Amino acid sequence: MVKHLKTVADYIQQLSQYPPDWPVEVDTQAGGGVVIEHREINGSPVIGIYGANGGAIGEAPLTEEEYQAKSTSFLRMMNGSLYRYTSLHGDHRMYIPGRQNDTCFGIHFDRRVIERLVEEGKLAKDRVDIERVQRCEPLR
């Protein structure tokens, strides 16, 4: 019977049964080796293990520096007169109206940035469509 490994401790225990200098061979559908990194699913931390050139699990954690930069940019666009907001494509985007396919080529913003802006009271909830983006987001 194959034991399903769920936690970092499970993997450490499993791998500690072997000599530490043994090489490890990995075969994934994606090829290119394996990536092991900190990810998030629904805001909770997980360790993602997946094919280096074709997979991903959850989202990369949102750093404070990234949040500050993206939130400042979003608020500047939202409060200016050049850009317009849309959630038409199931995500948060700012675009310049008047061009063909203008919403398709807008600037995408991470939903976590927008949700945090609303939670912190820096953005009125009725100015963005959080519910639509949450419904469309496959990781939620």
N, C-alpha and C. Protein backbone atom coordinates (compact mmCIF):
# COMPACT_ATOMS: atom_id res chain seq x y z
N MET A 1 0.83 -1.18 0.00
CA MET A 1 0.00 0.00 0.00
C MET A 1 0.88 1.25 0.00
N VAL A 2 0.52 2.23 -0.82
CA VAL A 2 1.28 3.47 -0.92
C VAL A 2 0.78 4.44 0.14
N LYS A 3 1.73 4.98 0.91
CA LYS A 3 1.37 5.95 1.94
C LYS A 3 1.31 7.33 1.30
N HIS A 4 0.22 8.04 1.51
CA HIS A 4 0.08 9.39 0.97
C HIS A 4 0.71 10.37 1.94
N LEU A 5 1.72 11.07 1.45
CA LEU A 5 2.43 12.04 2.27
C LEU A 5 1.68 13.37 2.23
N LYS A 6 1.42 13.94 3.40
CA LYS A 6 0.62 15.17 3.48
C LYS A 6 1.37 16.36 4.07
N THR A 7 2.33 16.13 4.96
CA THR A 7 3.01 17.23 5.64
C THR A 7 4.51 17.16 5.38
N VAL A 8 5.20 18.24 5.71
CA VAL A 8 6.66 18.26 5.59
C VAL A 8 7.26 17.14 6.43
N ALA A 9 6.71 16.94 7.64
CA ALA A 9 7.21 15.88 8.53
C ALA A 9 7.07 14.51 7.88
N ASP A 10 5.96 14.27 7.14
CA ASP A 10 5.78 13.00 6.44
C ASP A 10 6.89 12.77 5.42
N TYR A 11 7.22 13.82 4.67
CA TYR A 11 8.27 13.69 3.65
C TYR A 11 9.64 13.48 4.30
N ILE A 12 9.92 14.22 5.36
CA ILE A 12 11.20 14.06 6.06
C ILE A 12 11.33 12.65 6.60
N GLN A 13 10.27 12.14 7.21
CA GLN A 13 10.30 10.80 7.75
C GLN A 13 10.53 9.78 6.65
N GLN A 14 9.82 9.92 5.55
CA GLN A 14 9.95 8.97 4.43
C GLN A 14 11.37 9.00 3.86
N LEU A 15 11.89 10.22 3.62
CA LEU A 15 13.22 10.33 3.01
C LEU A 15 14.34 9.96 3.97
N SER A 16 14.11 10.09 5.28
CA SER A 16 15.17 9.78 6.24
C SER A 16 15.48 8.29 6.33
N GLN A 17 14.69 7.45 5.68
CA GLN A 17 14.95 6.02 5.65
C GLN A 17 16.11 5.66 4.72
N TYR A 18 16.57 6.63 3.93
CA TYR A 18 17.61 6.39 2.93
C TYR A 18 18.87 7.17 3.27
N PRO A 19 20.01 6.69 2.79
CA PRO A 19 21.26 7.44 3.02
C PRO A 19 21.17 8.85 2.43
N PRO A 20 21.64 9.88 3.16
CA PRO A 20 21.49 11.26 2.71
C PRO A 20 22.28 11.61 1.46
N ASP A 21 23.26 10.78 1.08
CA ASP A 21 24.05 11.09 -0.11
C ASP A 21 23.54 10.39 -1.37
N TRP A 22 22.46 9.64 -1.26
CA TRP A 22 21.88 9.00 -2.44
C TRP A 22 21.29 10.07 -3.36
N PRO A 23 21.48 9.94 -4.66
CA PRO A 23 20.82 10.88 -5.59
C PRO A 23 19.33 10.58 -5.66
N VAL A 24 18.57 11.57 -6.05
CA VAL A 24 17.12 11.43 -6.20
C VAL A 24 16.77 11.65 -7.66
N GLU A 25 16.01 10.73 -8.23
CA GLU A 25 15.52 10.86 -9.60
C GLU A 25 14.02 11.15 -9.52
N VAL A 26 13.57 12.08 -10.32
CA VAL A 26 12.16 12.46 -10.30
C VAL A 26 11.62 12.37 -11.71
N ASP A 27 10.43 11.82 -11.84
CA ASP A 27 9.77 11.73 -13.14
C ASP A 27 8.39 12.38 -13.00
N THR A 28 8.20 13.48 -13.69
CA THR A 28 6.90 14.14 -13.68
C THR A 28 6.41 14.27 -15.11
N GLN A 29 5.11 14.44 -15.27
CA GLN A 29 4.56 14.61 -16.61
C GLN A 29 5.13 15.86 -17.27
N ALA A 30 5.40 16.88 -16.47
CA ALA A 30 5.89 18.14 -17.03
C ALA A 30 7.36 18.06 -17.40
N GLY A 31 8.11 17.19 -16.75
CA GLY A 31 9.54 17.13 -17.00
C GLY A 31 10.26 18.32 -16.39
N GLY A 32 11.55 18.42 -16.63
CA GLY A 32 12.31 19.57 -16.16
C GLY A 32 12.64 19.58 -14.69
N GLY A 33 12.47 18.46 -14.02
CA GLY A 33 12.77 18.42 -12.59
C GLY A 33 11.58 18.84 -11.74
N VAL A 34 11.85 19.01 -10.47
CA VAL A 34 10.80 19.29 -9.52
C VAL A 34 11.11 20.59 -8.77
N VAL A 35 10.08 21.35 -8.51
CA VAL A 35 10.18 22.56 -7.69
C VAL A 35 9.52 22.27 -6.35
N ILE A 36 10.16 22.69 -5.28
CA ILE A 36 9.58 22.60 -3.94
C ILE A 36 9.63 24.01 -3.38
N GLU A 37 8.45 24.58 -3.11
CA GLU A 37 8.44 25.96 -2.63
C GLU A 37 7.20 26.28 -1.80
N HIS A 38 7.30 27.36 -1.07
CA HIS A 38 6.19 27.87 -0.26
C HIS A 38 5.14 28.46 -1.20
N ARG A 39 3.90 28.03 -1.06
CA ARG A 39 2.77 28.54 -1.83
C ARG A 39 1.61 28.80 -0.88
N GLU A 40 0.51 29.32 -1.40
CA GLU A 40 -0.69 29.52 -0.60
C GLU A 40 -1.90 29.01 -1.37
N ILE A 41 -2.82 28.39 -0.65
CA ILE A 41 -4.11 28.01 -1.20
C ILE A 41 -5.16 28.57 -0.26
N ASN A 42 -6.03 29.42 -0.80
CA ASN A 42 -7.06 30.09 0.00
C ASN A 42 -6.47 30.82 1.21
N GLY A 43 -5.30 31.39 1.03
CA GLY A 43 -4.67 32.16 2.10
C GLY A 43 -3.92 31.34 3.12
N SER A 44 -3.94 30.01 2.99
CA SER A 44 -3.23 29.15 3.94
C SER A 44 -1.93 28.66 3.31
N PRO A 45 -0.85 28.61 4.10
CA PRO A 45 0.43 28.17 3.55
C PRO A 45 0.45 26.67 3.25
N VAL A 46 1.09 26.32 2.14
CA VAL A 46 1.33 24.93 1.76
C VAL A 46 2.72 24.86 1.14
N ILE A 47 3.27 23.66 1.12
CA ILE A 47 4.51 23.41 0.40
C ILE A 47 4.09 22.78 -0.92
N GLY A 48 4.40 23.44 -2.02
CA GLY A 48 4.06 22.92 -3.34
C GLY A 48 5.22 22.12 -3.91
N ILE A 49 4.93 20.93 -4.43
CA ILE A 49 5.93 20.09 -5.10
C ILE A 49 5.33 19.76 -6.46
N TYR A 50 5.99 20.24 -7.52
CA TYR A 50 5.41 20.07 -8.86
C TYR A 50 6.49 20.16 -9.92
N GLY A 51 6.13 19.81 -11.14
CA GLY A 51 7.05 19.85 -12.27
C GLY A 51 7.54 21.27 -12.52
N ALA A 52 8.87 21.42 -12.69
CA ALA A 52 9.48 22.74 -12.80
C ALA A 52 9.05 23.51 -14.05
N ASN A 53 8.71 22.83 -15.11
CA ASN A 53 8.38 23.57 -16.32
C ASN A 53 6.94 23.34 -16.78
N GLY A 54 6.04 23.19 -15.84
CA GLY A 54 4.69 23.01 -16.30
C GLY A 54 3.64 22.95 -15.22
N GLY A 55 4.03 23.06 -13.99
CA GLY A 55 3.04 22.94 -12.94
C GLY A 55 3.08 24.11 -12.00
N ALA A 56 2.10 24.17 -11.18
CA ALA A 56 2.04 25.14 -10.09
C ALA A 56 0.92 24.71 -9.16
N ILE A 57 1.09 25.04 -7.91
CA ILE A 57 0.08 24.72 -6.91
C ILE A 57 -0.24 26.02 -6.20
N GLY A 58 -1.49 26.37 -6.14
CA GLY A 58 -1.89 27.56 -5.42
C GLY A 58 -1.28 28.83 -5.99
N GLU A 59 -0.93 29.74 -5.09
CA GLU A 59 -0.38 31.04 -5.47
C GLU A 59 0.91 31.29 -4.71
N ALA A 60 1.76 32.12 -5.27
CA ALA A 60 2.93 32.58 -4.55
C ALA A 60 2.45 33.49 -3.42
N PRO A 61 3.07 33.41 -2.25
CA PRO A 61 2.65 34.30 -1.16
C PRO A 61 2.82 35.76 -1.57
N LEU A 62 1.91 36.60 -1.11
CA LEU A 62 1.96 38.03 -1.39
C LEU A 62 2.83 38.69 -0.34
N THR A 63 3.95 39.26 -0.76
CA THR A 63 4.84 39.92 0.20
C THR A 63 4.31 41.31 0.53
N GLU A 64 4.75 41.84 1.64
CA GLU A 64 4.33 43.19 2.04
C GLU A 64 4.81 44.22 1.03
N GLU A 65 6.01 44.05 0.51
CA GLU A 65 6.54 44.98 -0.49
C GLU A 65 5.70 44.94 -1.76
N GLU A 66 5.33 43.75 -2.20
CA GLU A 66 4.50 43.61 -3.39
C GLU A 66 3.13 44.24 -3.15
N TYR A 67 2.56 44.00 -1.98
CA TYR A 67 1.27 44.59 -1.66
C TYR A 67 1.34 46.12 -1.70
N GLN A 68 2.36 46.68 -1.08
CA GLN A 68 2.48 48.14 -1.05
C GLN A 68 2.59 48.72 -2.46
N ALA A 69 3.42 48.11 -3.29
CA ALA A 69 3.60 48.61 -4.66
C ALA A 69 2.32 48.47 -5.48
N LYS A 70 1.70 47.30 -5.44
CA LYS A 70 0.50 47.04 -6.24
C LYS A 70 -0.69 47.85 -5.75
N SER A 71 -0.84 47.98 -4.44
CA SER A 71 -1.98 48.72 -3.91
C SER A 71 -1.86 50.20 -4.24
N THR A 72 -0.66 50.74 -4.16
CA THR A 72 -0.43 52.14 -4.52
C THR A 72 -0.75 52.37 -5.99
N SER A 73 -0.30 51.48 -6.84
CA SER A 73 -0.56 51.58 -8.27
C SER A 73 -2.05 51.49 -8.57
N PHE A 74 -2.73 50.52 -7.96
CA PHE A 74 -4.16 50.36 -8.19
C PHE A 74 -4.94 51.59 -7.76
N LEU A 75 -4.67 52.08 -6.56
CA LEU A 75 -5.39 53.26 -6.06
C LEU A 75 -5.13 54.49 -6.92
N ARG A 76 -3.91 54.65 -7.39
CA ARG A 76 -3.57 55.78 -8.26
C ARG A 76 -4.40 55.69 -9.56
N MET A 77 -4.48 54.51 -10.15
CA MET A 77 -5.25 54.33 -11.38
C MET A 77 -6.76 54.50 -11.11
N MET A 78 -7.22 53.94 -9.99
CA MET A 78 -8.64 53.98 -9.67
C MET A 78 -9.11 55.42 -9.42
N ASN A 79 -8.26 56.22 -8.82
CA ASN A 79 -8.64 57.59 -8.48
C ASN A 79 -8.30 58.60 -9.59
N GLY A 80 -7.59 58.15 -10.61
CA GLY A 80 -7.27 59.03 -11.73
C GLY A 80 -8.37 59.04 -12.77
N SER A 81 -8.14 59.76 -13.85
CA SER A 81 -9.17 59.87 -14.89
C SER A 81 -8.85 59.06 -16.15
N LEU A 82 -7.65 58.51 -16.25
CA LEU A 82 -7.25 57.80 -17.47
C LEU A 82 -7.77 56.36 -17.51
N TYR A 83 -7.71 55.66 -16.39
CA TYR A 83 -8.04 54.23 -16.35
C TYR A 83 -9.46 53.99 -15.85
N ARG A 84 -10.02 52.85 -16.24
CA ARG A 84 -11.30 52.37 -15.75
C ARG A 84 -11.10 50.97 -15.19
N TYR A 85 -11.97 50.60 -14.24
CA TYR A 85 -11.93 49.28 -13.60
C TYR A 85 -12.92 48.34 -14.29
N THR A 86 -12.54 47.05 -14.40
CA THR A 86 -13.47 46.03 -14.85
C THR A 86 -13.16 44.70 -14.17
N SER A 87 -14.23 43.90 -14.00
CA SER A 87 -14.08 42.51 -13.55
C SER A 87 -14.70 41.60 -14.61
N LEU A 88 -14.90 42.13 -15.80
CA LEU A 88 -15.56 41.43 -16.91
C LEU A 88 -14.95 40.06 -17.18
N HIS A 89 -13.65 39.94 -17.05
CA HIS A 89 -12.95 38.69 -17.37
C HIS A 89 -12.71 37.81 -16.14
N GLY A 90 -13.37 38.15 -15.02
CA GLY A 90 -13.25 37.32 -13.82
C GLY A 90 -12.06 37.66 -12.95
N ASP A 91 -11.40 38.78 -13.23
CA ASP A 91 -10.30 39.23 -12.39
C ASP A 91 -10.40 40.75 -12.27
N HIS A 92 -9.52 41.33 -11.49
CA HIS A 92 -9.51 42.78 -11.31
C HIS A 92 -8.55 43.38 -12.34
N ARG A 93 -9.05 44.27 -13.21
CA ARG A 93 -8.22 44.90 -14.24
C ARG A 93 -8.51 46.39 -14.32
N MET A 94 -7.46 47.11 -14.65
CA MET A 94 -7.59 48.53 -14.99
C MET A 94 -7.23 48.64 -16.47
N TYR A 95 -8.00 49.42 -17.21
CA TYR A 95 -7.78 49.56 -18.65
C TYR A 95 -8.04 50.98 -19.08
N ILE A 96 -7.52 51.33 -20.25
CA ILE A 96 -7.77 52.63 -20.85
C ILE A 96 -8.90 52.44 -21.86
N PRO A 97 -10.05 53.07 -21.64
CA PRO A 97 -11.19 52.87 -22.54
C PRO A 97 -10.98 53.53 -23.91
N GLY A 98 -11.71 52.99 -24.89
CA GLY A 98 -11.71 53.60 -26.21
C GLY A 98 -10.96 52.84 -27.28
N ARG A 99 -10.27 51.79 -26.90
CA ARG A 99 -9.54 51.00 -27.88
C ARG A 99 -10.26 49.68 -28.10
N GLN A 100 -10.03 49.08 -29.27
CA GLN A 100 -10.60 47.77 -29.54
C GLN A 100 -9.98 46.77 -28.56
N ASN A 101 -10.81 45.92 -27.97
CA ASN A 101 -10.36 44.91 -27.01
C ASN A 101 -9.68 45.53 -25.80
N ASP A 102 -10.06 46.75 -25.44
CA ASP A 102 -9.35 47.45 -24.37
C ASP A 102 -9.36 46.70 -23.04
N THR A 103 -10.46 46.02 -22.69
CA THR A 103 -10.48 45.32 -21.41
C THR A 103 -9.60 44.07 -21.43
N CYS A 104 -9.40 43.48 -22.60
CA CYS A 104 -8.57 42.27 -22.70
C CYS A 104 -7.11 42.55 -22.36
N PHE A 105 -6.66 43.74 -22.69
CA PHE A 105 -5.25 44.07 -22.52
C PHE A 105 -5.01 44.98 -21.33
N GLY A 106 -5.95 45.01 -20.40
CA GLY A 106 -5.79 45.84 -19.22
C GLY A 106 -4.71 45.31 -18.29
N ILE A 107 -4.48 46.05 -17.22
CA ILE A 107 -3.47 45.68 -16.23
C ILE A 107 -4.15 44.87 -15.13
N HIS A 108 -3.72 43.63 -14.97
CA HIS A 108 -4.31 42.71 -14.00
C HIS A 108 -3.76 42.99 -12.61
N PHE A 109 -4.64 42.93 -11.60
CA PHE A 109 -4.24 43.09 -10.20
C PHE A 109 -4.66 41.86 -9.41
N ASP A 110 -3.75 41.37 -8.59
CA ASP A 110 -3.98 40.22 -7.73
C ASP A 110 -5.20 40.48 -6.84
N ARG A 111 -6.12 39.51 -6.80
CA ARG A 111 -7.34 39.67 -6.01
C ARG A 111 -7.03 39.91 -4.55
N ARG A 112 -5.93 39.35 -4.04
CA ARG A 112 -5.58 39.52 -2.63
C ARG A 112 -5.24 40.97 -2.30
N VAL A 113 -4.66 41.69 -3.27
CA VAL A 113 -4.37 43.11 -3.08
C VAL A 113 -5.67 43.89 -2.94
N ILE A 114 -6.61 43.63 -3.84
CA ILE A 114 -7.88 44.36 -3.83
C ILE A 114 -8.68 44.02 -2.57
N GLU A 115 -8.73 42.75 -2.21
CA GLU A 115 -9.47 42.34 -1.01
C GLU A 115 -8.88 43.00 0.24
N ARG A 116 -7.57 43.09 0.32
CA ARG A 116 -6.93 43.71 1.48
C ARG A 116 -7.21 45.21 1.52
N LEU A 117 -7.18 45.86 0.35
CA LEU A 117 -7.51 47.29 0.31
C LEU A 117 -8.91 47.54 0.87
N VAL A 118 -9.86 46.70 0.51
CA VAL A 118 -11.23 46.83 1.01
C VAL A 118 -11.27 46.55 2.50
N GLU A 119 -10.61 45.48 2.95
CA GLU A 119 -10.59 45.12 4.37
C GLU A 119 -9.99 46.24 5.22
N GLU A 120 -8.97 46.91 4.70
CA GLU A 120 -8.31 47.98 5.45
C GLU A 120 -9.04 49.31 5.33
N GLY A 121 -10.13 49.35 4.56
CA GLY A 121 -10.90 50.57 4.42
C GLY A 121 -10.28 51.60 3.48
N LYS A 122 -9.31 51.19 2.69
CA LYS A 122 -8.66 52.11 1.75
C LYS A 122 -9.39 52.18 0.41
N LEU A 123 -10.34 51.27 0.20
CA LEU A 123 -11.10 51.20 -1.04
C LEU A 123 -12.52 50.79 -0.69
N ALA A 124 -13.50 51.55 -1.17
CA ALA A 124 -14.90 51.22 -0.90
C ALA A 124 -15.27 49.93 -1.63
N LYS A 125 -15.94 49.04 -0.93
CA LYS A 125 -16.31 47.73 -1.49
C LYS A 125 -17.18 47.87 -2.74
N ASP A 126 -17.99 48.92 -2.82
CA ASP A 126 -18.88 49.08 -3.97
C ASP A 126 -18.18 49.60 -5.23
N ARG A 127 -16.87 49.87 -5.13
CA ARG A 127 -16.11 50.32 -6.31
C ARG A 127 -15.48 49.16 -7.08
N VAL A 128 -15.47 47.97 -6.49
CA VAL A 128 -14.90 46.78 -7.13
C VAL A 128 -15.87 45.62 -6.97
N ASP A 129 -15.68 44.56 -7.73
CA ASP A 129 -16.58 43.42 -7.69
C ASP A 129 -15.85 42.20 -7.11
N ILE A 130 -15.68 42.22 -5.81
CA ILE A 130 -14.96 41.14 -5.14
C ILE A 130 -15.68 39.80 -5.30
N GLU A 131 -16.99 39.80 -5.18
CA GLU A 131 -17.74 38.54 -5.25
C GLU A 131 -17.58 37.86 -6.61
N ARG A 132 -17.66 38.62 -7.70
CA ARG A 132 -17.50 38.05 -9.04
C ARG A 132 -16.12 37.41 -9.21
N VAL A 133 -15.10 38.12 -8.77
CA VAL A 133 -13.73 37.60 -8.91
C VAL A 133 -13.56 36.35 -8.05
N GLN A 134 -14.12 36.34 -6.86
CA GLN A 134 -14.04 35.15 -6.02
C GLN A 134 -14.73 33.96 -6.65
N ARG A 135 -15.88 34.19 -7.30
CA ARG A 135 -16.59 33.10 -7.97
C ARG A 135 -15.77 32.55 -9.14
N CYS A 136 -15.07 33.42 -9.83
CA CYS A 136 -14.32 33.01 -11.03
C CYS A 136 -12.95 32.47 -10.71
N GLU A 137 -12.42 32.75 -9.53
CA GLU A 137 -11.08 32.36 -9.15
C GLU A 137 -11.02 30.85 -8.86
N PRO A 138 -10.21 30.10 -9.61
CA PRO A 138 -10.18 28.64 -9.44
C PRO A 138 -9.54 28.18 -8.13
N LEU A 139 -8.77 29.03 -7.46
CA LEU A 139 -8.06 28.60 -6.25
C LEU A 139 -8.88 28.80 -4.99
N ARG A 140 -10.02 29.41 -5.06
CA ARG A 140 -10.80 29.71 -3.85
C ARG A 140 -11.72 28.60 -3.48
